[in-house]
Protein backbone atom coordinates (compact mmCIF):
# COMPACT_ATOMS: atom_id res chain seq x y z
CA UNK A 1 0.00 0.00 0.00
CA UNK A 2 3.02 2.29 -0.33
CA UNK A 3 1.40 4.16 -3.22
CA UNK A 4 -1.60 5.09 -1.05
CA UNK A 5 0.67 6.82 1.48
CA UNK A 6 2.95 8.35 -1.15
CA UNK A 7 -0.05 9.84 -2.99
CA UNK A 8 -1.58 11.17 0.24
CA UNK A 9 -4.70 8.98 0.17
CA UNK A 10 -3.58 7.47 3.48
CA UNK A 11 -1.68 9.12 6.34
CA UNK A 12 0.42 7.20 8.85
CA UNK A 13 -1.08 7.76 12.33
CA UNK A 14 2.37 7.84 14.02
CA UNK A 15 5.98 8.47 13.02
CA UNK A 16 6.99 5.61 10.74
CA UNK A 17 10.59 4.94 9.77
CA UNK A 18 11.11 2.76 6.70
CA UNK A 19 13.76 1.19 4.52
CA UNK A 20 13.33 0.10 0.90
CA UNK A 21 12.56 -3.55 0.36
CA UNK A 22 11.06 -5.65 -2.38
CA UNK A 23 7.62 -4.09 -2.85
CA UNK A 24 8.11 -0.32 -2.61
CA UNK A 25 8.38 1.77 -5.75
CA UNK A 26 12.13 2.00 -6.19
CA UNK A 27 11.85 4.77 -8.78
CA UNK A 28 10.30 7.09 -6.15
CA UNK A 29 12.74 6.09 -3.43
CA UNK A 30 15.71 6.61 -5.77
CA UNK A 31 14.89 10.34 -5.65
CA UNK A 32 15.68 10.21 -1.90
CA UNK A 33 18.92 8.22 -2.05
CA UNK A 34 20.12 9.78 1.22
CA UNK A 35 16.69 9.60 2.88
CA UNK A 36 13.84 11.99 3.50
CA UNK A 37 10.10 12.35 4.01
CA UNK A 38 8.15 10.20 1.54
CA UNK A 39 4.76 11.11 3.02
CA UNK A 40 3.36 12.76 6.15
CA UNK A 41 4.77 10.90 9.18
CA UNK A 42 6.85 8.52 7.02
CA UNK A 43 10.65 8.92 6.96
CA UNK A 44 12.67 6.90 4.45
CA UNK A 45 16.19 6.08 5.65
CA UNK A 46 17.69 6.04 2.16
CA UNK A 47 19.96 3.37 0.73
CA UNK A 48 21.58 3.18 4.18
CA UNK A 49 21.21 5.43 7.17
CA UNK A 50 21.31 5.97 10.91
CA UNK A 51 18.99 8.31 12.80
CA UNK A 52 18.46 9.24 16.44
CA UNK A 53 14.89 9.52 17.68
CA UNK A 54 14.77 11.69 20.81
CA UNK A 55 12.03 12.17 23.35
CA UNK A 56 11.94 14.71 26.15
CA UNK A 57 10.97 12.95 29.38
CA UNK A 58 9.64 15.11 32.21
CA UNK A 59 10.72 13.81 35.61
CA UNK A 60 8.10 15.60 37.68
CA UNK A 61 10.59 17.81 39.52
CA UNK A 62 11.00 20.44 36.76
CA UNK A 63 14.11 18.72 35.43
CA UNK A 64 14.17 17.04 32.05
CA UNK A 65 15.80 13.98 30.61
CA UNK A 66 16.10 13.10 26.97
CA UNK A 67 15.71 9.48 25.89
CA UNK A 68 17.40 8.59 22.62
CA UNK A 69 16.88 5.58 20.39
CA UNK A 70 19.38 5.06 17.56
CA UNK A 71 17.99 3.25 14.51
CA UNK A 72 20.07 1.97 11.58
CA UNK A 73 18.70 0.72 8.30
CA UNK A 74 19.94 -0.81 5.06
CA UNK A 75 17.56 -0.88 2.09
CA UNK A 76 17.29 -3.68 -0.42
CA UNK A 77 16.91 -7.42 -0.52
CA UNK A 78 19.67 -10.00 -0.35
CA UNK A 79 20.52 -11.96 -3.48
CA UNK A 80 23.74 -13.99 -3.36
CA UNK A 81 24.33 -13.58 -7.11
CA UNK A 82 24.09 -9.76 -6.99
CA UNK A 83 25.66 -9.17 -3.56
CA UNK A 84 29.17 -8.28 -4.75
CA UNK A 85 28.21 -6.52 -8.00
CA UNK A 86 27.57 -3.07 -6.52
CA UNK A 87 24.58 -0.79 -6.84
CA UNK A 88 24.41 1.09 -10.13
CA UNK A 89 20.66 1.46 -10.72
CA UNK A 90 19.66 4.97 -11.75
CA UNK A 91 17.02 6.63 -13.90
CA UNK A 92 15.96 6.30 -16.62
CA UNK A 93 15.01 2.74 -15.70
CA UNK A 94 15.21 0.10 -18.40
CA UNK A 95 16.15 -3.55 -18.72
CA UNK A 96 19.83 -2.68 -18.39
CA UNK A 97 19.58 -0.68 -15.16
C-alpha atoms as a PDB file:
ATOM      1  CA  UNK A   1       0.000   0.000   0.000  1.00  0.00           C
ATOM      2  CA  UNK A   2       3.023   2.287  -0.328  1.00  0.00           C
ATOM      3  CA  UNK A   3       1.398   4.160  -3.218  1.00  0.00           C
ATOM      4  CA  UNK A   4      -1.596   5.086  -1.053  1.00  0.00           C
ATOM      5  CA  UNK A   5       0.666   6.821   1.483  1.00  0.00           C
ATOM      6  CA  UNK A   6       2.948   8.351  -1.151  1.00  0.00           C
ATOM      7  CA  UNK A   7      -0.046   9.838  -2.992  1.00  0.00           C
ATOM      8  CA  UNK A   8      -1.580  11.175   0.239  1.00  0.00           C
ATOM      9  CA  UNK A   9      -4.704   8.979   0.174  1.00  0.00           C
ATOM     10  CA  UNK A  10      -3.585   7.469   3.482  1.00  0.00           C
ATOM     11  CA  UNK A  11      -1.677   9.121   6.342  1.00  0.00           C
ATOM     12  CA  UNK A  12       0.418   7.204   8.855  1.00  0.00           C
ATOM     13  CA  UNK A  13      -1.078   7.758  12.327  1.00  0.00           C
ATOM     14  CA  UNK A  14       2.374   7.844  14.018  1.00  0.00           C
ATOM     15  CA  UNK A  15       5.977   8.469  13.018  1.00  0.00           C
ATOM     16  CA  UNK A  16       6.987   5.609  10.742  1.00  0.00           C
ATOM     17  CA  UNK A  17      10.586   4.939   9.770  1.00  0.00           C
ATOM     18  CA  UNK A  18      11.108   2.762   6.703  1.00  0.00           C
ATOM     19  CA  UNK A  19      13.759   1.188   4.517  1.00  0.00           C
ATOM     20  CA  UNK A  20      13.330   0.104   0.905  1.00  0.00           C
ATOM     21  CA  UNK A  21      12.555  -3.551   0.358  1.00  0.00           C
ATOM     22  CA  UNK A  22      11.061  -5.646  -2.378  1.00  0.00           C
ATOM     23  CA  UNK A  23       7.617  -4.092  -2.852  1.00  0.00           C
ATOM     24  CA  UNK A  24       8.115  -0.324  -2.613  1.00  0.00           C
ATOM     25  CA  UNK A  25       8.381   1.773  -5.752  1.00  0.00           C
ATOM     26  CA  UNK A  26      12.134   1.996  -6.192  1.00  0.00           C
ATOM     27  CA  UNK A  27      11.852   4.771  -8.780  1.00  0.00           C
ATOM     28  CA  UNK A  28      10.299   7.094  -6.150  1.00  0.00           C
ATOM     29  CA  UNK A  29      12.736   6.089  -3.434  1.00  0.00           C
ATOM     30  CA  UNK A  30      15.710   6.613  -5.770  1.00  0.00           C
ATOM     31  CA  UNK A  31      14.893  10.342  -5.646  1.00  0.00           C
ATOM     32  CA  UNK A  32      15.680  10.209  -1.903  1.00  0.00           C
ATOM     33  CA  UNK A  33      18.920   8.225  -2.050  1.00  0.00           C
ATOM     34  CA  UNK A  34      20.121   9.782   1.219  1.00  0.00           C
ATOM     35  CA  UNK A  35      16.694   9.603   2.877  1.00  0.00           C
ATOM     36  CA  UNK A  36      13.836  11.993   3.502  1.00  0.00           C
ATOM     37  CA  UNK A  37      10.102  12.345   4.011  1.00  0.00           C
ATOM     38  CA  UNK A  38       8.147  10.199   1.536  1.00  0.00           C
ATOM     39  CA  UNK A  39       4.756  11.107   3.017  1.00  0.00           C
ATOM     40  CA  UNK A  40       3.358  12.762   6.148  1.00  0.00           C
ATOM     41  CA  UNK A  41       4.767  10.900   9.180  1.00  0.00           C
ATOM     42  CA  UNK A  42       6.854   8.521   7.018  1.00  0.00           C
ATOM     43  CA  UNK A  43      10.647   8.922   6.958  1.00  0.00           C
ATOM     44  CA  UNK A  44      12.673   6.897   4.447  1.00  0.00           C
ATOM     45  CA  UNK A  45      16.193   6.078   5.652  1.00  0.00           C
ATOM     46  CA  UNK A  46      17.685   6.040   2.164  1.00  0.00           C
ATOM     47  CA  UNK A  47      19.961   3.372   0.732  1.00  0.00           C
ATOM     48  CA  UNK A  48      21.576   3.180   4.182  1.00  0.00           C
ATOM     49  CA  UNK A  49      21.214   5.426   7.171  1.00  0.00           C
ATOM     50  CA  UNK A  50      21.313   5.972  10.907  1.00  0.00           C
ATOM     51  CA  UNK A  51      18.988   8.307  12.801  1.00  0.00           C
ATOM     52  CA  UNK A  52      18.464   9.244  16.436  1.00  0.00           C
ATOM     53  CA  UNK A  53      14.894   9.524  17.680  1.00  0.00           C
ATOM     54  CA  UNK A  54      14.774  11.688  20.805  1.00  0.00           C
ATOM     55  CA  UNK A  55      12.029  12.173  23.354  1.00  0.00           C
ATOM     56  CA  UNK A  56      11.941  14.715  26.154  1.00  0.00           C
ATOM     57  CA  UNK A  57      10.966  12.949  29.383  1.00  0.00           C
ATOM     58  CA  UNK A  58       9.638  15.108  32.212  1.00  0.00           C
ATOM     59  CA  UNK A  59      10.724  13.810  35.611  1.00  0.00           C
ATOM     60  CA  UNK A  60       8.103  15.604  37.679  1.00  0.00           C
ATOM     61  CA  UNK A  61      10.587  17.815  39.519  1.00  0.00           C
ATOM     62  CA  UNK A  62      11.002  20.440  36.757  1.00  0.00           C
ATOM     63  CA  UNK A  63      14.110  18.721  35.425  1.00  0.00           C
ATOM     64  CA  UNK A  64      14.165  17.038  32.049  1.00  0.00           C
ATOM     65  CA  UNK A  65      15.800  13.978  30.614  1.00  0.00           C
ATOM     66  CA  UNK A  66      16.101  13.097  26.969  1.00  0.00           C
ATOM     67  CA  UNK A  67      15.710   9.483  25.891  1.00  0.00           C
ATOM     68  CA  UNK A  68      17.397   8.587  22.616  1.00  0.00           C
ATOM     69  CA  UNK A  69      16.879   5.585  20.387  1.00  0.00           C
ATOM     70  CA  UNK A  70      19.377   5.057  17.556  1.00  0.00           C
ATOM     71  CA  UNK A  71      17.991   3.252  14.513  1.00  0.00           C
ATOM     72  CA  UNK A  72      20.068   1.970  11.585  1.00  0.00           C
ATOM     73  CA  UNK A  73      18.701   0.715   8.296  1.00  0.00           C
ATOM     74  CA  UNK A  74      19.940  -0.806   5.056  1.00  0.00           C
ATOM     75  CA  UNK A  75      17.564  -0.879   2.094  1.00  0.00           C
ATOM     76  CA  UNK A  76      17.290  -3.679  -0.418  1.00  0.00           C
ATOM     77  CA  UNK A  77      16.907  -7.418  -0.524  1.00  0.00           C
ATOM     78  CA  UNK A  78      19.672 -10.004  -0.349  1.00  0.00           C
ATOM     79  CA  UNK A  79      20.523 -11.957  -3.484  1.00  0.00           C
ATOM     80  CA  UNK A  80      23.738 -13.995  -3.356  1.00  0.00           C
ATOM     81  CA  UNK A  81      24.326 -13.578  -7.108  1.00  0.00           C
ATOM     82  CA  UNK A  82      24.088  -9.764  -6.995  1.00  0.00           C
ATOM     83  CA  UNK A  83      25.662  -9.174  -3.562  1.00  0.00           C
ATOM     84  CA  UNK A  84      29.174  -8.277  -4.748  1.00  0.00           C
ATOM     85  CA  UNK A  85      28.214  -6.523  -7.999  1.00  0.00           C
ATOM     86  CA  UNK A  86      27.571  -3.066  -6.524  1.00  0.00           C
ATOM     87  CA  UNK A  87      24.583  -0.786  -6.845  1.00  0.00           C
ATOM     88  CA  UNK A  88      24.410   1.087 -10.134  1.00  0.00           C
ATOM     89  CA  UNK A  89      20.660   1.462 -10.725  1.00  0.00           C
ATOM     90  CA  UNK A  90      19.657   4.975 -11.747  1.00  0.00           C
ATOM     91  CA  UNK A  91      17.017   6.629 -13.903  1.00  0.00           C
ATOM     92  CA  UNK A  92      15.958   6.300 -16.621  1.00  0.00           C
ATOM     93  CA  UNK A  93      15.014   2.744 -15.700  1.00  0.00           C
ATOM     94  CA  UNK A  94      15.211   0.100 -18.403  1.00  0.00           C
ATOM     95  CA  UNK A  95      16.150  -3.545 -18.721  1.00  0.00           C
ATOM     96  CA  UNK A  96      19.826  -2.679 -18.393  1.00  0.00           C
ATOM     97  CA  UNK A  97      19.579  -0.676 -15.163  1.00  0.00           C
END
